[in-house]
Structures are given as C-alpha cells and as structure tokens.
C-alpha cells in the first residue's frame, strides 16, 4: 500500500523548486482565481518555518501590511504556487522563527547573510 502512495506523491512533485531557507525574504507568486479569471498575486515576506517532507512540505511566510502582521502557508509543490523568488538571504540560528510574531519595527528584521 505504501508503494502506491509513494508513486502518487512522486508524480505530484515539482521538478525545479527554488532553494530557500528559514529566514530568507521571498516573493511567492500565487495564482488567484476570481470568477472565471485567473491572475498572479505576489506575497513578499520572511519565511518563518518549513515543515513536512515530500509532496506534503509547506512553508509559512510573514509580512507586515498596514501595521498588521499577515501570515500565509503554502505547500511547496502546489500548482497554485507559480514560483518562489528569493529576494535576500537571512542569517538565523534556528529552524522556526516564531519569536518574530512578538516583535515590531527594526527588532522584527532578520540579519542578512553574507
């Protein structure tokens, strides 16, 4: 049974996924369907976490919009994610950046990796 599931999940994986890590600032180009039209909307923010593996892998991006923190979680291999573009690399020392939720202003920034 598990071999069948592995084959189905392997067929759903994308071939070329952008390499990004936790702490990176990324632009996620997501497909939005409105009625019968489809458009691409860009969501730019810091990657807070990556979790899961294989076709179930997801990542969470956080940005501040009009003074309010907004987070979105996407599957890495979703057909609704057109592409992921790394704007800048971040230097972090942990796998999940949940502490950024409590910070405001300059304290909410991640140092840039050199």
Protein backbone atom coordinates (compact mmCIF):
# COMPACT_ATOMS: atom_id res chain seq x y z
CA UNK A 1 0.00 0.00 0.00
CA UNK A 2 2.74 2.48 0.87
CA UNK A 3 4.45 1.91 -2.51
CA UNK A 4 1.31 3.08 -4.28
CA UNK A 5 1.14 6.20 -2.13
CA UNK A 6 4.83 6.96 -2.77
CA UNK A 7 4.30 6.70 -6.53
CA UNK A 8 1.31 9.07 -6.43
CA UNK A 9 3.20 11.59 -4.29
CA UNK A 10 6.29 11.39 -6.53
CA UNK A 11 4.14 12.25 -9.55
CA UNK A 12 2.92 15.43 -7.82
CA UNK A 13 6.40 16.82 -7.03
CA UNK A 14 7.70 19.81 -8.98
CA UNK A 15 10.99 19.31 -10.79
CA UNK A 16 12.53 22.74 -10.18
CA UNK A 17 11.83 24.23 -6.76
CA UNK A 18 13.74 27.33 -5.73
CA UNK A 19 16.18 26.66 -2.88
CA UNK A 20 15.22 28.82 0.11
CA UNK A 21 15.71 28.52 3.85
CA UNK A 22 14.09 29.79 7.02
CA UNK A 23 14.89 33.50 7.48
CA UNK A 24 15.07 34.28 3.77
CA UNK A 25 12.92 37.06 2.34
CA UNK A 26 10.98 35.60 -0.57
CA UNK A 27 8.40 36.63 -3.15
CA UNK A 28 5.73 33.98 -3.63
CA UNK A 29 3.81 34.22 -6.90
CA UNK A 30 0.45 32.65 -6.11
CA UNK A 31 -2.40 32.01 -8.54
CA UNK A 32 -5.70 33.60 -7.53
CA UNK A 33 -8.94 32.56 -9.20
CA UNK A 34 -11.67 35.22 -9.33
CA UNK A 35 -14.78 34.00 -11.08
CA UNK A 36 -13.62 32.76 -14.47
CA UNK A 37 -10.38 34.82 -14.49
CA UNK A 38 -7.04 33.76 -13.09
CA UNK A 39 -4.28 36.14 -12.04
CA UNK A 40 -0.99 36.03 -10.15
CA UNK A 41 -0.60 37.86 -6.85
CA UNK A 42 2.79 38.42 -5.22
CA UNK A 43 3.24 37.92 -1.46
CA UNK A 44 6.63 39.10 -0.15
CA UNK A 45 7.84 38.36 3.36
CA UNK A 46 10.15 36.41 5.65
CA UNK A 47 9.99 32.61 5.76
CA UNK A 48 9.10 31.68 9.37
CA UNK A 49 9.16 27.91 9.00
CA UNK A 50 9.33 24.93 6.68
CA UNK A 51 7.75 21.70 7.74
CA UNK A 52 6.84 18.30 6.39
CA UNK A 53 8.52 16.49 3.56
CA UNK A 54 7.97 15.11 0.09
CA UNK A 55 4.77 16.38 -1.51
CA UNK A 56 3.33 17.47 1.85
CA UNK A 57 6.06 20.04 2.56
CA UNK A 58 4.75 23.50 3.47
CA UNK A 59 6.28 26.86 4.29
CA UNK A 60 4.94 29.91 6.13
CA UNK A 61 5.69 33.50 5.07
CA UNK A 62 5.05 36.57 7.23
CA UNK A 63 4.82 40.20 6.19
CA UNK A 64 3.55 43.41 7.75
CA UNK A 65 0.71 45.09 5.86
CA UNK A 66 -0.56 48.46 7.14
CA UNK A 67 0.93 47.77 10.57
CA UNK A 68 -0.71 44.34 10.87
CA UNK A 69 1.20 41.08 10.61
CA UNK A 70 -0.10 38.75 7.91
CA UNK A 71 0.98 35.11 7.54
CA UNK A 72 0.26 32.66 4.75
CA UNK A 73 1.14 29.00 4.50
CA UNK A 74 1.63 27.32 1.12
CA UNK A 75 2.51 23.82 0.01
CA UNK A 76 5.91 23.90 -1.73
CA UNK A 77 4.76 21.66 -4.58
CA UNK A 78 1.31 23.21 -5.07
CA UNK A 79 0.19 24.03 -8.62
CA UNK A 80 -1.19 27.30 -7.20
CA UNK A 81 2.35 28.49 -6.43
CA UNK A 82 3.71 29.76 -9.75
CA UNK A 83 7.23 30.43 -8.47
CA UNK A 84 9.21 31.35 -5.37
CA UNK A 85 11.84 34.05 -5.77
CA UNK A 86 14.47 34.71 -3.09
CA UNK A 87 14.93 38.45 -2.54
CA UNK A 88 17.62 38.19 0.13
CA UNK A 89 19.18 35.52 2.31
CA UNK A 90 18.75 35.68 6.07
CA UNK A 91 21.16 34.64 8.81
CA UNK A 92 19.31 32.69 11.50
CA UNK A 93 20.27 30.07 14.05
CA UNK A 94 17.02 28.18 14.47
CA UNK A 95 14.52 26.24 12.38
CA UNK A 96 11.35 28.09 13.34
CA UNK A 97 11.18 31.87 13.80
CA UNK A 98 8.01 32.08 15.89
CA UNK A 99 9.60 34.79 18.07
CA UNK A 100 9.25 37.29 15.17
CA UNK A 101 5.50 37.38 15.78
CA UNK A 102 6.01 39.32 19.01
CA UNK A 103 8.43 41.85 17.54
CA UNK A 104 7.73 45.18 15.88
CA UNK A 105 9.83 47.53 13.74
CA UNK A 106 13.59 47.04 13.48
CA UNK A 107 13.54 44.23 16.03
CA UNK A 108 11.40 42.16 13.64
CA UNK A 109 14.13 42.17 10.98
CA UNK A 110 16.45 39.25 10.20
CA UNK A 111 20.13 39.96 9.56
CA UNK A 112 21.30 39.45 6.00
CA UNK A 113 23.68 36.57 5.32
CA UNK A 114 26.89 37.48 3.61
